[in-house]
């Protein structure tokens, strides 16, 4: 199993971010190879750098192995499929 890095860029009060984080909590046990980093766009300088790099205009920004997966929303099936492909 290959190691995978998941970065989640969130903003305070973002309902889609909250739903995604809850969704990920229910599935992350299936992926012991994934390192998760949750970054607050308002508080984290690293998150700000990623926002600029990937031109993220809405949250959550979901980055998998250094590539932007989605911004402003997500598709659960596509997300899980992508993680399985990379694992």
PDB file of N, CA and C in Angstrom:
ATOM      1  N   UNK A   1       0.840  -1.179   0.000  1.00  0.00           N
ATOM      2  CA  UNK A   1       0.000   0.000   0.000  1.00  0.00           C
ATOM      3  C   UNK A   1       0.889   1.246   0.000  1.00  0.00           C
ATOM      4  N   UNK A   2       0.652   2.145  -0.927  1.00  0.00           N
ATOM      5  CA  UNK A   2       1.436   3.371  -1.031  1.00  0.00           C
ATOM      6  C   UNK A   2       0.932   4.406  -0.031  1.00  0.00           C
ATOM      7  N   UNK A   3       1.850   5.251   0.446  1.00  0.00           N
ATOM      8  CA  UNK A   3       1.407   6.308   1.345  1.00  0.00           C
ATOM      9  C   UNK A   3       0.815   7.449   0.524  1.00  0.00           C
ATOM     10  N   UNK A   4      -0.210   8.054   1.081  1.00  0.00           N
ATOM     11  CA  UNK A   4      -0.947   9.121   0.408  1.00  0.00           C
ATOM     12  C   UNK A   4      -1.079  10.281   1.390  1.00  0.00           C
ATOM     13  N   UNK A   5      -0.901  11.498   0.871  1.00  0.00           N
ATOM     14  CA  UNK A   5      -1.067  12.680   1.706  1.00  0.00           C
ATOM     15  C   UNK A   5      -2.355  13.397   1.303  1.00  0.00           C
ATOM     16  N   UNK A   6      -3.200  13.635   2.282  1.00  0.00           N
ATOM     17  CA  UNK A   6      -4.458  14.344   2.079  1.00  0.00           C
ATOM     18  C   UNK A   6      -4.400  15.653   2.862  1.00  0.00           C
ATOM     19  N   UNK A   7      -4.597  16.762   2.156  1.00  0.00           N
ATOM     20  CA  UNK A   7      -4.662  18.063   2.806  1.00  0.00           C
ATOM     21  C   UNK A   7      -6.061  18.624   2.588  1.00  0.00           C
ATOM     22  N   UNK A   8      -6.653  19.081   3.679  1.00  0.00           N
ATOM     23  CA  UNK A   8      -7.997  19.641   3.638  1.00  0.00           C
ATOM     24  C   UNK A   8      -7.903  21.084   4.102  1.00  0.00           C
ATOM     25  N   UNK A   9      -8.237  22.018   3.233  1.00  0.00           N
ATOM     26  CA  UNK A   9      -8.218  23.432   3.567  1.00  0.00           C
ATOM     27  C   UNK A   9      -9.648  23.852   3.869  1.00  0.00           C
ATOM     28  N   UNK A  10      -9.857  24.340   5.083  1.00  0.00           N
ATOM     29  CA  UNK A  10     -11.209  24.681   5.518  1.00  0.00           C
ATOM     30  C   UNK A  10     -11.268  26.123   6.002  1.00  0.00           C
ATOM     31  N   UNK A  11     -12.481  26.622   6.105  1.00  0.00           N
ATOM     32  CA  UNK A  11     -12.698  27.952   6.680  1.00  0.00           C
ATOM     33  C   UNK A  11     -13.691  27.826   7.831  1.00  0.00           C
ATOM     34  N   UNK A  12     -13.605  28.736   8.806  1.00  0.00           N
ATOM     35  CA  UNK A  12     -14.539  28.692   9.931  1.00  0.00           C
ATOM     36  C   UNK A  12     -15.979  28.867   9.448  1.00  0.00           C
ATOM     37  N   UNK A  13     -16.871  28.084   9.978  1.00  0.00           N
ATOM     38  CA  UNK A  13     -18.286  28.215   9.658  1.00  0.00           C
ATOM     39  C   UNK A  13     -18.706  27.612   8.324  1.00  0.00           C
ATOM     40  N   UNK A  14     -17.796  26.963   7.630  1.00  0.00           N
ATOM     41  CA  UNK A  14     -18.116  26.373   6.327  1.00  0.00           C
ATOM     42  C   UNK A  14     -18.846  25.044   6.535  1.00  0.00           C
ATOM     43  N   UNK A  15     -20.096  24.994   6.121  1.00  0.00           N
ATOM     44  CA  UNK A  15     -20.898  23.777   6.305  1.00  0.00           C
ATOM     45  C   UNK A  15     -20.423  22.632   5.411  1.00  0.00           C
ATOM     46  N   UNK A  16     -19.992  22.952   4.191  1.00  0.00           N
ATOM     47  CA  UNK A  16     -19.486  21.896   3.310  1.00  0.00           C
ATOM     48  C   UNK A  16     -18.210  21.307   3.898  1.00  0.00           C
ATOM     49  N   UNK A  17     -17.353  22.157   4.471  1.00  0.00           N
ATOM     50  CA  UNK A  17     -16.126  21.681   5.132  1.00  0.00           C
ATOM     51  C   UNK A  17     -16.492  20.736   6.271  1.00  0.00           C
ATOM     52  N   UNK A  18     -17.450  21.144   7.080  1.00  0.00           N
ATOM     53  CA  UNK A  18     -17.880  20.330   8.215  1.00  0.00           C
ATOM     54  C   UNK A  18     -18.406  18.970   7.744  1.00  0.00           C
ATOM     55  N   UNK A  19     -19.235  18.972   6.703  1.00  0.00           N
ATOM     56  CA  UNK A  19     -19.770  17.707   6.173  1.00  0.00           C
ATOM     57  C   UNK A  19     -18.659  16.818   5.630  1.00  0.00           C
ATOM     58  N   UNK A  20     -17.707  17.443   4.917  1.00  0.00           N
ATOM     59  CA  UNK A  20     -16.604  16.650   4.372  1.00  0.00           C
ATOM     60  C   UNK A  20     -15.765  16.037   5.489  1.00  0.00           C
ATOM     61  N   UNK A  21     -15.445  16.817   6.506  1.00  0.00           N
ATOM     62  CA  UNK A  21     -14.636  16.297   7.621  1.00  0.00           C
ATOM     63  C   UNK A  21     -15.368  15.169   8.346  1.00  0.00           C
ATOM     64  N   UNK A  22     -16.670  15.290   8.510  1.00  0.00           N
ATOM     65  CA  UNK A  22     -17.463  14.209   9.126  1.00  0.00           C
ATOM     66  C   UNK A  22     -17.454  12.969   8.239  1.00  0.00           C
ATOM     67  N   UNK A  23     -17.627  13.178   6.950  1.00  0.00           N
ATOM     68  CA  UNK A  23     -17.581  12.078   5.985  1.00  0.00           C
ATOM     69  C   UNK A  23     -16.215  11.378   6.052  1.00  0.00           C
ATOM     70  N   UNK A  24     -15.138  12.163   6.060  1.00  0.00           N
ATOM     71  CA  UNK A  24     -13.796  11.582   6.100  1.00  0.00           C
ATOM     72  C   UNK A  24     -13.573  10.811   7.408  1.00  0.00           C
ATOM     73  N   UNK A  25     -14.074  11.322   8.513  1.00  0.00           N
ATOM     74  CA  UNK A  25     -13.942  10.624   9.805  1.00  0.00           C
ATOM     75  C   UNK A  25     -14.548   9.221   9.735  1.00  0.00           C
ATOM     76  N   UNK A  26     -15.644   9.070   9.015  1.00  0.00           N
ATOM     77  CA  UNK A  26     -16.301   7.765   8.943  1.00  0.00           C
ATOM     78  C   UNK A  26     -15.577   6.798   8.011  1.00  0.00           C
ATOM     79  N   UNK A  27     -14.695   7.304   7.144  1.00  0.00           N
ATOM     80  CA  UNK A  27     -14.033   6.447   6.155  1.00  0.00           C
ATOM     81  C   UNK A  27     -12.529   6.293   6.345  1.00  0.00           C
ATOM     82  N   UNK A  28     -11.907   7.149   7.150  1.00  0.00           N
ATOM     83  CA  UNK A  28     -10.447   7.143   7.189  1.00  0.00           C
ATOM     84  C   UNK A  28      -9.851   5.857   7.749  1.00  0.00           C
ATOM     85  N   UNK A  29     -10.600   5.114   8.543  1.00  0.00           N
ATOM     86  CA  UNK A  29     -10.087   3.842   9.076  1.00  0.00           C
ATOM     87  C   UNK A  29      -9.820   2.830   7.953  1.00  0.00           C
ATOM     88  N   UNK A  30     -10.493   2.996   6.816  1.00  0.00           N
ATOM     89  CA  UNK A  30     -10.287   2.109   5.665  1.00  0.00           C
ATOM     90  C   UNK A  30      -8.952   2.385   4.977  1.00  0.00           C
ATOM     91  N   UNK A  31      -8.330   3.523   5.306  1.00  0.00           N
ATOM     92  CA  UNK A  31      -7.129   3.971   4.612  1.00  0.00           C
ATOM     93  C   UNK A  31      -6.008   4.268   5.608  1.00  0.00           C
ATOM     94  N   UNK A  32      -5.399   3.233   6.149  1.00  0.00           N
ATOM     95  CA  UNK A  32      -4.343   3.429   7.143  1.00  0.00           C
ATOM     96  C   UNK A  32      -3.089   4.048   6.531  1.00  0.00           C
ATOM     97  N   UNK A  33      -2.995   4.066   5.216  1.00  0.00           N
ATOM     98  CA  UNK A  33      -1.827   4.608   4.521  1.00  0.00           C
ATOM     99  C   UNK A  33      -1.914   6.114   4.274  1.00  0.00           C
ATOM    100  N   UNK A  34      -3.019   6.742   4.688  1.00  0.00           N
ATOM    101  CA  UNK A  34      -3.222   8.153   4.378  1.00  0.00           C
ATOM    102  C   UNK A  34      -2.912   9.033   5.586  1.00  0.00           C
ATOM    103  N   UNK A  35      -2.060  10.029   5.327  1.00  0.00           N
ATOM    104  CA  UNK A  35      -1.753  11.047   6.326  1.00  0.00           C
ATOM    105  C   UNK A  35      -2.646  12.240   6.026  1.00  0.00           C
ATOM    106  N   UNK A  36      -3.392  12.677   7.030  1.00  0.00           N
ATOM    107  CA  UNK A  36      -4.336  13.778   6.844  1.00  0.00           C
ATOM    108  C   UNK A  36      -3.831  15.027   7.542  1.00  0.00           C
ATOM    109  N   UNK A  37      -3.906  16.137   6.835  1.00  0.00           N
ATOM    110  CA  UNK A  37      -3.549  17.435   7.404  1.00  0.00           C
ATOM    111  C   UNK A  37      -4.722  18.378   7.143  1.00  0.00           C
ATOM    112  N   UNK A  38      -5.312  18.890   8.222  1.00  0.00           N
ATOM    113  CA  UNK A  38      -6.424  19.836   8.106  1.00  0.00           C
ATOM    114  C   UNK A  38      -5.871  21.225   8.410  1.00  0.00           C
ATOM    115  N   UNK A  39      -6.042  22.130   7.460  1.00  0.00           N
ATOM    116  CA  UNK A  39      -5.501  23.480   7.599  1.00  0.00           C
ATOM    117  C   UNK A  39      -6.626  24.505   7.524  1.00  0.00           C
ATOM    118  N   UNK A  40      -6.606  25.452   8.447  1.00  0.00           N
ATOM    119  CA  UNK A  40      -7.582  26.533   8.453  1.00  0.00           C
ATOM    120  C   UNK A  40      -7.041  27.663   7.583  1.00  0.00           C
ATOM    121  N   UNK A  41      -7.777  28.016   6.546  1.00  0.00           N
ATOM    122  CA  UNK A  41      -7.328  29.031   5.597  1.00  0.00           C
ATOM    123  C   UNK A  41      -7.117  30.382   6.279  1.00  0.00           C
ATOM    124  N   UNK A  42      -7.907  30.676   7.298  1.00  0.00           N
ATOM    125  CA  UNK A  42      -7.804  31.960   7.990  1.00  0.00           C
ATOM    126  C   UNK A  42      -6.567  32.012   8.887  1.00  0.00           C
ATOM    127  N   UNK A  43      -6.223  30.893   9.530  1.00  0.00           N
ATOM    128  CA  UNK A  43      -5.178  30.889  10.551  1.00  0.00           C
ATOM    129  C   UNK A  43      -3.823  30.375  10.076  1.00  0.00           C
ATOM    130  N   UNK A  44      -3.773  29.634   8.992  1.00  0.00           N
ATOM    131  CA  UNK A  44      -2.545  28.945   8.598  1.00  0.00           C
ATOM    132  C   UNK A  44      -1.858  29.604   7.407  1.00  0.00           C
ATOM    133  N   UNK A  45      -0.599  29.963   7.597  1.00  0.00           N
ATOM    134  CA  UNK A  45       0.188  30.528   6.503  1.00  0.00           C
ATOM    135  C   UNK A  45       0.404  29.478   5.406  1.00  0.00           C
ATOM    136  N   UNK A  46       0.606  28.242   5.811  1.00  0.00           N
ATOM    137  CA  UNK A  46       0.773  27.154   4.841  1.00  0.00           C
ATOM    138  C   UNK A  46      -0.494  27.027   3.980  1.00  0.00           C
ATOM    139  N   UNK A  47      -1.666  27.124   4.621  1.00  0.00           N
ATOM    140  CA  UNK A  47      -2.934  27.052   3.879  1.00  0.00           C
ATOM    141  C   UNK A  47      -3.034  28.196   2.883  1.00  0.00           C
ATOM    142  N   UNK A  48      -2.613  29.392   3.287  1.00  0.00           N
ATOM    143  CA  UNK A  48      -2.648  30.552   2.391  1.00  0.00           C
ATOM    144  C   UNK A  48      -1.759  30.329   1.168  1.00  0.00           C
ATOM    145  N   UNK A  49      -0.603  29.708   1.389  1.00  0.00           N
ATOM    146  CA  UNK A  49       0.297  29.405   0.271  1.00  0.00           C
ATOM    147  C   UNK A  49      -0.363  28.423  -0.702  1.00  0.00           C
ATOM    148  N   UNK A  50      -1.053  27.417  -0.166  1.00  0.00           N
ATOM    149  CA  UNK A  50      -1.740  26.437  -1.010  1.00  0.00           C
ATOM    150  C   UNK A  50      -2.915  27.064  -1.752  1.00  0.00           C
ATOM    151  N   UNK A  51      -3.620  27.974  -1.098  1.00  0.00           N
ATOM    152  CA  UNK A  51      -4.728  28.694  -1.736  1.00  0.00           C
ATOM    153  C   UNK A  51      -4.203  29.451  -2.954  1.00  0.00           C
ATOM    154  N   UNK A  52      -3.069  30.120  -2.791  1.00  0.00           N
ATOM    155  CA  UNK A  52      -2.467  30.863  -3.902  1.00  0.00           C
ATOM    156  C   UNK A  52      -1.986  29.919  -5.000  1.00  0.00           C
ATOM    157  N   UNK A  53      -1.297  28.859  -4.609  1.00  0.00           N
ATOM    158  CA  UNK A  53      -0.731  27.919  -5.578  1.00  0.00           C
ATOM    159  C   UNK A  53      -1.813  27.290  -6.463  1.00  0.00           C
ATOM    160  N   UNK A  54      -2.917  26.856  -5.826  1.00  0.00           N
ATOM    161  CA  UNK A  54      -3.970  26.149  -6.553  1.00  0.00           C
ATOM    162  C   UNK A  54      -5.147  27.047  -6.939  1.00  0.00           C
ATOM    163  N   UNK A  55      -5.058  28.338  -6.602  1.00  0.00           N
ATOM    164  CA  UNK A  55      -6.125  29.296  -6.878  1.00  0.00           C
ATOM    165  C   UNK A  55      -7.478  28.790  -6.372  1.00  0.00           C
ATOM    166  N   UNK A  56      -7.506  28.488  -5.093  1.00  0.00           N
ATOM    167  CA  UNK A  56      -8.717  27.993  -4.437  1.00  0.00           C
ATOM    168  C   UNK A  56      -9.571  29.197  -4.033  1.00  0.00           C
ATOM    169  N   UNK A  57     -10.784  29.262  -4.571  1.00  0.00           N
ATOM    170  CA  UNK A  57     -11.671  30.393  -4.302  1.00  0.00           C
ATOM    171  C   UNK A  57     -12.819  30.034  -3.369  1.00  0.00           C
ATOM    172  N   UNK A  58     -13.022  28.743  -3.109  1.00  0.00           N
ATOM    173  CA  UNK A  58     -14.059  28.338  -2.162  1.00  0.00           C
ATOM    174  C   UNK A  58     -13.597  27.080  -1.436  1.00  0.00           C
ATOM    175  N   UNK A  59     -14.095  26.934  -0.231  1.00  0.00           N
ATOM    176  CA  UNK A  59     -13.662  25.808   0.589  1.00  0.00           C
ATOM    177  C   UNK A  59     -14.765  24.747   0.643  1.00  0.00           C
ATOM    178  N   UNK A  60     -14.402  23.513   0.930  1.00  0.00           N
ATOM    179  CA  UNK A  60     -13.039  23.079   1.245  1.00  0.00           C
ATOM    180  C   UNK A  60     -12.195  22.911  -0.015  1.00  0.00           C
ATOM    181  N   UNK A  61     -10.906  23.111   0.172  1.00  0.00           N
ATOM    182  CA  UNK A  61      -9.944  22.746  -0.858  1.00  0.00           C
ATOM    183  C   UNK A  61      -9.407  21.381  -0.468  1.00  0.00           C
ATOM    184  N   UNK A  62      -9.490  20.420  -1.352  1.00  0.00           N
ATOM    185  CA  UNK A  62      -9.038  19.056  -1.059  1.00  0.00           C
ATOM    186  C   UNK A  62      -7.871  18.753  -1.993  1.00  0.00           C
ATOM    187  N   UNK A  63      -6.711  18.514  -1.386  1.00  0.00           N
ATOM    188  CA  UNK A  63      -5.482  18.262  -2.127  1.00  0.00           C
ATOM    189  C   UNK A  63      -5.009  16.856  -1.795  1.00  0.00           C
ATOM    190  N   UNK A  64      -4.774  16.060  -2.819  1.00  0.00           N
ATOM    191  CA  UNK A  64      -4.308  14.680  -2.636  1.00  0.00           C
ATOM    192  C   UNK A  64      -2.954  14.551  -3.316  1.00  0.00           C
ATOM    193  N   UNK A  65      -1.953  14.184  -2.532  1.00  0.00           N
ATOM    194  CA  UNK A  65      -0.585  14.026  -3.049  1.00  0.00           C
ATOM    195  C   UNK A  65      -0.122  15.241  -3.846  1.00  0.00           C
ATOM    196  N   UNK A  66      -0.413  16.414  -3.331  1.00  0.00           N
ATOM    197  CA  UNK A  66       0.063  17.631  -3.966  1.00  0.00           C
ATOM    198  C   UNK A  66      -0.696  18.066  -5.204  1.00  0.00           C
ATOM    199  N   UNK A  67      -1.830  17.423  -5.495  1.00  0.00           N
ATOM    200  CA  UNK A  67      -2.659  17.810  -6.634  1.00  0.00           C
ATOM    201  C   UNK A  67      -4.048  18.172  -6.144  1.00  0.00           C
ATOM    202  N   UNK A  68      -4.592  19.257  -6.672  1.00  0.00           N
ATOM    203  CA  UNK A  68      -5.930  19.686  -6.283  1.00  0.00           C
ATOM    204  C   UNK A  68      -6.957  18.667  -6.761  1.00  0.00           C
ATOM    205  N   UNK A  69      -7.719  18.119  -5.822  1.00  0.00           N
ATOM    206  CA  UNK A  69      -8.796  17.181  -6.167  1.00  0.00           C
ATOM    207  C   UNK A  69     -10.099  17.935  -6.391  1.00  0.00           C
ATOM    208  N   UNK A  70     -10.445  18.814  -5.460  1.00  0.00           N
ATOM    209  CA  UNK A  70     -11.677  19.590  -5.615  1.00  0.00           C
ATOM    210  C   UNK A  70     -11.637  20.829  -4.746  1.00  0.00           C
ATOM    211  N   UNK A  71     -12.512  21.750  -5.066  1.00  0.00           N
ATOM    212  CA  UNK A  71     -12.650  22.975  -4.299  1.00  0.00           C
ATOM    213  C   UNK A  71     -14.123  23.369  -4.270  1.00  0.00           C
ATOM    214  N   UNK A  72     -14.591  23.772  -3.088  1.00  0.00           N
ATOM    215  CA  UNK A  72     -15.961  24.232  -2.953  1.00  0.00           C
ATOM    216  C   UNK A  72     -17.010  23.140  -2.837  1.00  0.00           C
ATOM    217  N   UNK A  73     -16.601  21.912  -2.924  1.00  0.00           N
ATOM    218  CA  UNK A  73     -17.522  20.785  -2.828  1.00  0.00           C
ATOM    219  C   UNK A  73     -16.762  19.504  -3.130  1.00  0.00           C
ATOM    220  N   UNK A  74     -17.458  18.401  -3.093  1.00  0.00           N
ATOM    221  CA  UNK A  74     -16.791  17.115  -3.336  1.00  0.00           C
ATOM    222  C   UNK A  74     -17.836  16.073  -3.698  1.00  0.00           C
ATOM    223  N   UNK A  75     -17.369  15.054  -4.397  1.00  0.00           N
ATOM    224  CA  UNK A  75     -18.215  13.908  -4.711  1.00  0.00           C
ATOM    225  C   UNK A  75     -17.653  12.721  -3.927  1.00  0.00           C
ATOM    226  N   UNK A  76     -18.443  12.165  -3.023  1.00  0.00           N
ATOM    227  CA  UNK A  76     -17.958  11.111  -2.134  1.00  0.00           C
ATOM    228  C   UNK A  76     -17.410   9.914  -2.904  1.00  0.00           C
ATOM    229  N   UNK A  77     -18.121   9.468  -3.921  1.00  0.00           N
ATOM    230  CA  UNK A  77     -17.697   8.289  -4.688  1.00  0.00           C
ATOM    231  C   UNK A  77     -16.382   8.561  -5.406  1.00  0.00           C
ATOM    232  N   UNK A  78     -16.275   9.696  -6.064  1.00  0.00           N
ATOM    233  CA  UNK A  78     -15.042  10.050  -6.778  1.00  0.00           C
ATOM    234  C   UNK A  78     -13.867  10.169  -5.819  1.00  0.00           C
ATOM    235  N   UNK A  79     -14.116  10.754  -4.661  1.00  0.00           N
ATOM    236  CA  UNK A  79     -13.066  10.925  -3.654  1.00  0.00           C
ATOM    237  C   UNK A  79     -12.536   9.565  -3.194  1.00  0.00           C
ATOM    238  N   UNK A  80     -13.438   8.671  -2.799  1.00  0.00           N
ATOM    239  CA  UNK A  80     -13.020   7.349  -2.322  1.00  0.00           C
ATOM    240  C   UNK A  80     -12.361   6.543  -3.440  1.00  0.00           C
ATOM    241  N   UNK A  81     -12.876   6.663  -4.649  1.00  0.00           N
ATOM    242  CA  UNK A  81     -12.279   5.965  -5.798  1.00  0.00           C
ATOM    243  C   UNK A  81     -10.850   6.441  -6.024  1.00  0.00           C
ATOM    244  N   UNK A  82     -10.637   7.756  -5.952  1.00  0.00           N
ATOM    245  CA  UNK A  82      -9.300   8.313  -6.156  1.00  0.00           C
ATOM    246  C   UNK A  82      -8.332   7.814  -5.090  1.00  0.00           C
ATOM    247  N   UNK A  83      -8.772   7.781  -3.842  1.00  0.00           N
ATOM    248  CA  UNK A  83      -7.904   7.303  -2.763  1.00  0.00           C
ATOM    249  C   UNK A  83      -7.542   5.832  -2.977  1.00  0.00           C
ATOM    250  N   UNK A  84      -8.502   5.039  -3.418  1.00  0.00           N
ATOM    251  CA  UNK A  84      -8.226   3.621  -3.673  1.00  0.00           C
ATOM    252  C   UNK A  84      -7.247   3.452  -4.832  1.00  0.00           C
ATOM    253  N   UNK A  85      -7.381   4.284  -5.861  1.00  0.00           N
ATOM    254  CA  UNK A  85      -6.461   4.222  -6.997  1.00  0.00           C
ATOM    255  C   UNK A  85      -5.029   4.528  -6.569  1.00  0.00           C
ATOM    256  N   UNK A  86      -4.875   5.465  -5.662  1.00  0.00           N
ATOM    257  CA  UNK A  86      -3.543   5.888  -5.232  1.00  0.00           C
ATOM    258  C   UNK A  86      -2.941   4.968  -4.171  1.00  0.00           C
ATOM    259  N   UNK A  87      -3.756   4.177  -3.521  1.00  0.00           N
ATOM    260  CA  UNK A  87      -3.286   3.344  -2.396  1.00  0.00           C
ATOM    261  C   UNK A  87      -2.597   2.069  -2.839  1.00  0.00           C
TER     262      UNK A  87
END
